[in-house]
Amino acid sequence: MRRILAVLAALILIGAAGLFALTRPATVPEAAIAAITPDLARGEAVFHAAGCASCHAADGAEGEARLILSGGHSFATPAGTFVAPNISQDPEHGIGAWSKADIVTAVMKGTSPDGRHYFPAFPYAAYAKAELSDIVSLAAYLKTLPADPTPSQPHDLAFPYSIRMGVGAWKLLGVSEGFAVDLPDDPQIRRGQYLAEALAHCGECHTPRTATQALDTARWFAGAPNPSGKGSIPNISPAKLSWSAADIAAYLKSGFTPEFDAAGGSMRDVITSLANLPDEDLAAIAAYLKAVPPAE
């Protein structure tokens, strides 16, 4: 019996060590980005495509005020309320003291400069699919934006969602660098897929989740319950979205549907960001949405 208990204890220790190794926070080292020359114009485009201002600008901010990333926007979910942090260039309350590698690590790996897992309300599961050079350029562009001294507010999460250690295990299931759906090898569709899946993270809202809260890629864009508990997020696969590609591109530019209804809720902020992209990028997203498999 003593020998059996010793073996069990050893197996538990080995399993714990293995789990720790698999779930420890990943980083992007400085050496990995040292040879990449950032492009500020590209970084600005990534900023708009990724919707950074939609979450991190103050509620109601418009125009140039959307470049002041003071945080504070709250997101109600079944796990509790997440609050977007200050990511302005303030060195104390924002990310002004972070290196480019710190920013790239946060965006693509969901890891803070002090080695903690970020909660996946920060859509790094999508940004993990992005090109490293795009995120390096984004980091450089963020460095050009204003500082704001507003302190970040804490999340208000229910147990057990408040335990960050569990996020490392979730990343094993919820983060993949591959794209969600296989599509024709068409340059416009591929560009749209990159913009929609890796940067604009459309699937984070429009795709239902599994029991582990990973995206259910078998039902890509099939719609999902609103995390706030109020209503639902619509199905934007061809099973329900019958608009033409031109109609979709026009909606992403103007916020008006073919029936002249206006985008509502959080989609207003999304369109405010996407409208800054060139028309060919909006057309690429539209082509991608027309190409994804219909999902019920």
Protein backbone atom coordinates (compact mmCIF):
# COMPACT_ATOMS: atom_id res chain seq x y z
CA MET A 1 0.00 0.00 0.00
CA ARG A 2 2.85 2.36 0.88
CA ARG A 3 4.47 1.65 -2.48
CA ILE A 4 1.19 2.26 -4.31
CA LEU A 5 0.70 5.57 -2.55
CA ALA A 6 4.25 6.59 -3.41
CA VAL A 7 3.68 5.76 -7.07
CA LEU A 8 0.40 7.69 -7.08
CA ALA A 9 2.08 10.70 -5.47
CA ALA A 10 4.84 10.57 -8.07
CA LEU A 11 2.32 10.40 -10.91
CA ILE A 12 0.40 13.35 -9.48
CA LEU A 13 3.61 15.39 -9.25
CA ILE A 14 4.61 14.47 -12.80
CA GLY A 15 1.13 15.35 -14.05
CA ALA A 16 1.17 18.67 -12.20
CA ALA A 17 4.60 19.50 -13.60
CA GLY A 18 3.44 18.61 -17.11
CA LEU A 19 0.30 20.72 -16.77
CA PHE A 20 2.36 23.65 -15.49
CA ALA A 21 4.73 23.36 -18.45
CA LEU A 22 1.85 23.22 -20.93
CA THR A 23 -0.09 26.11 -19.39
CA ARG A 24 2.64 28.54 -18.37
CA PRO A 25 2.30 31.97 -20.01
CA ALA A 26 3.95 32.13 -23.44
CA THR A 27 5.90 35.16 -24.65
CA VAL A 28 7.29 36.62 -27.86
CA PRO A 29 11.01 37.32 -27.26
CA GLU A 30 12.70 40.51 -28.40
CA ALA A 31 14.90 38.46 -30.72
CA ALA A 32 11.85 37.29 -32.66
CA ILE A 33 10.92 40.84 -33.68
CA ALA A 34 14.33 42.51 -33.78
CA ALA A 35 14.66 42.20 -37.56
CA ILE A 36 11.12 43.44 -38.32
CA THR A 37 10.90 47.08 -39.39
CA PRO A 38 7.55 48.49 -38.26
CA ASP A 39 5.37 50.33 -40.75
CA LEU A 40 3.28 53.02 -39.03
CA ALA A 41 0.72 53.24 -41.83
CA ARG A 42 0.26 49.50 -41.65
CA GLY A 43 0.07 49.69 -37.87
CA GLU A 44 -2.71 52.29 -38.11
CA ALA A 45 -4.67 50.04 -40.48
CA VAL A 46 -4.27 47.11 -38.08
CA PHE A 47 -5.44 49.36 -35.22
CA HIS A 48 -8.69 50.09 -37.06
CA ALA A 49 -9.18 46.55 -38.34
CA ALA A 50 -8.67 45.11 -34.85
CA GLY A 51 -11.12 47.57 -33.31
CA CYS A 52 -8.76 48.73 -30.56
CA ALA A 53 -10.66 51.98 -30.02
CA SER A 54 -14.00 50.15 -29.87
CA CYS A 55 -12.99 48.64 -26.53
CA HIS A 56 -10.30 50.92 -25.13
CA ALA A 57 -11.52 54.45 -25.93
CA ALA A 58 -13.81 56.08 -23.38
CA ASP A 59 -17.53 55.40 -23.78
CA GLY A 60 -19.01 57.86 -26.26
CA ALA A 61 -15.64 59.01 -27.62
CA GLU A 62 -15.74 60.33 -31.16
CA GLY A 63 -13.22 61.58 -33.71
CA GLU A 64 -9.71 62.14 -32.36
CA ALA A 65 -10.91 61.25 -28.85
CA ARG A 66 -11.06 57.61 -30.02
CA LEU A 67 -7.26 57.66 -30.10
CA ILE A 68 -7.13 58.28 -26.34
CA LEU A 69 -7.16 54.71 -25.11
CA SER A 70 -8.02 55.38 -21.47
CA GLY A 71 -10.17 52.25 -21.07
CA GLY A 72 -13.18 51.88 -18.81
CA HIS A 73 -15.65 50.27 -21.22
CA SER A 74 -17.41 47.39 -19.42
CA PHE A 75 -18.57 44.07 -20.85
CA ALA A 76 -21.23 42.08 -19.01
CA THR A 77 -20.90 38.30 -19.44
CA PRO A 78 -22.09 35.17 -17.62
CA ALA A 79 -18.65 35.09 -15.97
CA GLY A 80 -19.03 38.61 -14.60
CA THR A 81 -18.11 42.06 -15.85
CA PHE A 82 -14.85 42.70 -17.68
CA VAL A 83 -13.52 46.25 -17.87
CA ALA A 84 -11.21 47.33 -20.69
CA PRO A 85 -7.92 48.63 -19.28
CA ASN A 86 -6.05 51.82 -20.07
CA ILE A 87 -3.68 51.06 -22.98
CA SER A 88 -2.65 54.66 -23.60
CA GLN A 89 0.99 55.74 -23.45
CA ASP A 90 0.79 56.77 -19.80
CA PRO A 91 3.78 54.98 -18.20
CA GLU A 92 2.03 54.36 -14.89
CA HIS A 93 -1.61 53.64 -15.70
CA GLY A 94 -1.22 52.65 -19.35
CA ILE A 95 1.36 50.80 -21.43
CA GLY A 96 3.83 53.63 -21.98
CA ALA A 97 6.60 51.73 -20.20
CA TRP A 98 6.05 48.50 -22.16
CA SER A 99 8.50 47.37 -24.81
CA LYS A 100 7.33 46.39 -28.29
CA ALA A 101 7.86 42.75 -27.32
CA ASP A 102 5.60 43.29 -24.28
CA ILE A 103 2.83 44.62 -26.53
CA VAL A 104 3.23 41.88 -29.13
CA THR A 105 3.21 39.23 -26.37
CA ALA A 106 0.03 40.66 -24.85
CA VAL A 107 -1.76 40.83 -28.20
CA MET A 108 -0.70 37.47 -29.65
CA LYS A 109 -0.12 35.34 -26.55
CA GLY A 110 -2.46 36.85 -23.97
CA THR A 111 0.39 37.27 -21.48
CA SER A 112 1.10 40.39 -19.40
CA PRO A 113 4.60 41.85 -18.96
CA ASP A 114 4.67 40.42 -15.43
CA GLY A 115 3.86 36.92 -16.69
CA ARG A 116 0.12 36.60 -15.98
CA HIS A 117 -2.49 35.16 -18.31
CA TYR A 118 -4.98 37.71 -19.62
CA PHE A 119 -8.62 36.70 -19.57
CA PRO A 120 -9.89 35.82 -23.06
CA ALA A 121 -12.32 38.73 -23.09
CA PHE A 122 -9.20 40.24 -24.69
CA PRO A 123 -9.49 38.48 -28.08
CA TYR A 124 -5.92 37.23 -28.32
CA ALA A 125 -7.29 33.87 -29.52
CA ALA A 126 -8.05 35.71 -32.79
CA TYR A 127 -4.96 37.92 -32.81
CA ALA A 128 -2.79 34.78 -32.48
CA LYS A 129 -3.58 34.20 -36.18
CA ALA A 130 -2.18 37.59 -37.21
CA GLU A 131 1.10 38.13 -39.02
CA LEU A 132 3.88 39.00 -36.60
CA SER A 133 4.92 41.99 -38.71
CA ASP A 134 1.38 43.40 -38.51
CA ILE A 135 1.38 43.28 -34.71
CA VAL A 136 4.89 44.77 -34.53
CA SER A 137 3.60 47.63 -36.68
CA LEU A 138 0.55 47.96 -34.43
CA ALA A 139 2.84 48.19 -31.38
CA ALA A 140 4.81 50.96 -33.04
CA TYR A 141 1.63 52.83 -33.94
CA LEU A 142 0.30 52.57 -30.38
CA LYS A 143 3.52 54.26 -29.23
CA THR A 144 2.52 57.37 -31.25
CA LEU A 145 -0.86 57.80 -29.50
CA PRO A 146 -1.59 60.11 -26.53
CA ALA A 147 -1.04 59.29 -22.87
CA ASP A 148 -3.92 59.44 -20.39
CA PRO A 149 -3.56 59.02 -16.61
CA THR A 150 -6.94 57.37 -15.97
CA PRO A 151 -6.38 54.29 -13.76
CA SER A 152 -7.61 50.95 -15.09
CA GLN A 153 -10.56 49.50 -13.22
CA PRO A 154 -10.62 45.89 -11.94
CA HIS A 155 -12.80 43.20 -13.43
CA ASP A 156 -15.74 41.98 -11.36
CA LEU A 157 -15.81 38.23 -11.97
CA ALA A 158 -17.60 35.36 -10.31
CA PHE A 159 -15.77 32.31 -8.97
CA PRO A 160 -14.24 30.21 -10.57
CA TYR A 161 -13.82 32.54 -13.57
CA SER A 162 -11.74 34.90 -11.44
CA ILE A 163 -8.92 32.32 -11.16
CA ARG A 164 -6.28 33.19 -13.74
CA MET A 165 -4.48 29.85 -13.42
CA GLY A 166 -7.39 28.22 -15.23
CA VAL A 167 -6.87 30.50 -18.23
CA GLY A 168 -3.66 28.67 -19.12
CA ALA A 169 -5.59 25.41 -19.44
CA TRP A 170 -8.29 27.19 -21.45
CA LYS A 171 -5.69 28.44 -23.92
CA LEU A 172 -4.85 24.84 -24.82
CA LEU A 173 -8.43 24.41 -26.05
CA GLY A 174 -9.40 27.92 -27.12
CA VAL A 175 -6.35 29.24 -28.99
CA SER A 176 -5.29 28.00 -32.41
CA GLU A 177 -3.13 29.69 -35.02
CA GLY A 178 -5.10 28.04 -37.85
CA PHE A 179 -8.08 29.66 -39.55
CA ALA A 180 -11.56 28.43 -38.73
CA VAL A 181 -12.80 27.39 -42.17
CA ASP A 182 -11.25 26.06 -45.38
CA LEU A 183 -11.98 28.32 -48.32
CA PRO A 184 -11.09 28.62 -52.02
CA ASP A 185 -7.56 29.81 -52.66
CA ASP A 186 -8.69 33.19 -53.92
CA PRO A 187 -6.55 36.24 -52.97
CA GLN A 188 -9.54 38.45 -52.17
CA ILE A 189 -11.25 35.79 -50.03
CA ARG A 190 -7.99 35.00 -48.25
CA ARG A 191 -7.47 38.68 -47.49
CA GLY A 192 -11.01 38.91 -46.16
CA GLN A 193 -10.50 35.83 -44.02
CA TYR A 194 -7.36 37.30 -42.51
CA LEU A 195 -9.08 40.60 -41.75
CA ALA A 196 -12.26 39.02 -40.36
CA GLU A 197 -10.78 36.11 -38.40
CA ALA A 198 -7.37 37.36 -37.24
CA LEU A 199 -7.86 41.11 -36.82
CA ALA A 200 -11.55 42.08 -36.66
CA HIS A 201 -12.23 38.88 -34.60
CA CYS A 202 -15.78 38.61 -35.96
CA GLY A 203 -16.10 35.04 -34.72
CA GLU A 204 -15.71 36.10 -31.10
CA CYS A 205 -19.27 37.45 -31.14
CA HIS A 206 -20.95 35.76 -34.10
CA THR A 207 -19.94 32.14 -33.39
CA PRO A 208 -21.45 29.98 -30.62
CA ARG A 209 -19.17 28.46 -28.01
CA THR A 210 -18.61 24.94 -26.76
CA ALA A 211 -19.01 23.81 -23.16
CA THR A 212 -15.39 24.92 -22.54
CA GLN A 213 -16.17 28.38 -24.00
CA ALA A 214 -13.96 27.80 -27.03
CA LEU A 215 -15.44 28.89 -30.36
CA ASP A 216 -17.47 26.14 -32.03
CA THR A 217 -15.85 26.31 -35.46
CA ALA A 218 -18.28 23.67 -36.80
CA ARG A 219 -20.96 26.39 -36.50
CA TRP A 220 -18.83 29.30 -37.67
CA PHE A 221 -20.81 32.54 -37.78
CA ALA A 222 -24.07 30.76 -36.85
CA GLY A 223 -24.90 33.44 -34.29
CA ALA A 224 -24.72 33.23 -30.52
CA PRO A 225 -26.36 34.42 -27.32
CA ASN A 226 -25.44 37.97 -26.37
CA PRO A 227 -22.89 37.67 -23.51
CA SER A 228 -24.82 40.36 -21.64
CA GLY A 229 -27.82 38.03 -21.51
CA LYS A 230 -29.94 40.41 -23.57
CA GLY A 231 -30.94 39.09 -26.97
CA SER A 232 -28.62 37.36 -29.40
CA ILE A 233 -25.86 38.04 -31.91
CA PRO A 234 -27.09 37.35 -35.47
CA ASN A 235 -26.08 34.58 -37.81
CA ILE A 236 -23.88 36.17 -40.51
CA SER A 237 -23.17 33.00 -42.49
CA PRO A 238 -24.85 32.60 -45.92
CA ALA A 239 -27.53 30.51 -44.18
CA LYS A 240 -29.10 33.75 -42.93
CA LEU A 241 -27.20 36.69 -44.42
CA SER A 242 -28.63 37.09 -47.92
CA TRP A 243 -27.14 40.50 -48.72
CA SER A 244 -24.95 40.86 -51.78
CA ALA A 245 -21.20 41.38 -51.36
CA ALA A 246 -21.70 45.01 -52.37
CA ASP A 247 -24.41 45.42 -49.70
CA ILE A 248 -22.13 43.95 -47.02
CA ALA A 249 -19.21 46.20 -47.97
CA ALA A 250 -21.50 49.26 -47.96
CA TYR A 251 -22.82 48.31 -44.50
CA LEU A 252 -19.28 47.99 -43.13
CA LYS A 253 -18.51 51.45 -44.52
CA SER A 254 -21.69 53.34 -43.61
CA GLY A 255 -23.48 51.31 -40.94
CA PHE A 256 -26.67 51.25 -43.03
CA THR A 257 -28.32 48.01 -44.10
CA PRO A 258 -29.82 47.55 -47.59
CA GLU A 259 -33.18 48.33 -45.93
CA PHE A 260 -31.69 51.58 -44.55
CA ASP A 261 -31.76 50.42 -40.95
CA ALA A 262 -28.75 51.54 -38.91
CA ALA A 263 -26.29 49.30 -37.09
CA GLY A 264 -27.01 49.15 -33.38
CA GLY A 265 -25.33 48.14 -30.15
CA SER A 266 -21.63 47.37 -30.18
CA MET A 267 -21.71 46.99 -33.97
CA ARG A 268 -21.81 50.79 -34.26
CA ASP A 269 -18.33 50.99 -32.73
CA VAL A 270 -17.10 48.14 -34.90
CA ILE A 271 -18.20 49.94 -38.06
CA THR A 272 -16.74 53.24 -36.86
CA SER A 273 -13.36 51.46 -36.83
CA LEU A 274 -13.79 49.36 -39.98
CA ALA A 275 -14.91 52.40 -41.99
CA ASN A 276 -11.30 53.61 -41.84
CA LEU A 277 -10.12 50.67 -43.94
CA PRO A 278 -9.72 51.01 -47.70
CA ASP A 279 -12.68 49.96 -49.83
CA GLU A 280 -10.79 46.95 -51.18
CA ASP A 281 -10.39 45.57 -47.65
CA LEU A 282 -14.11 45.96 -46.94
CA ALA A 283 -14.84 44.25 -50.26
CA ALA A 284 -12.50 41.42 -49.22
CA ILE A 285 -14.37 40.94 -45.92
CA ALA A 286 -17.64 40.87 -47.87
CA ALA A 287 -16.27 38.27 -50.29
CA TYR A 288 -15.14 36.16 -47.35
CA LEU A 289 -18.56 36.33 -45.68
CA LYS A 290 -20.19 35.16 -48.91
CA ALA A 291 -17.71 32.26 -49.14
CA VAL A 292 -17.96 30.77 -45.64
CA PRO A 293 -20.08 27.60 -45.32
CA PRO A 294 -23.73 28.16 -44.34
CA ALA A 295 -24.21 27.42 -40.63
CA GLU A 296 -27.45 26.94 -38.75
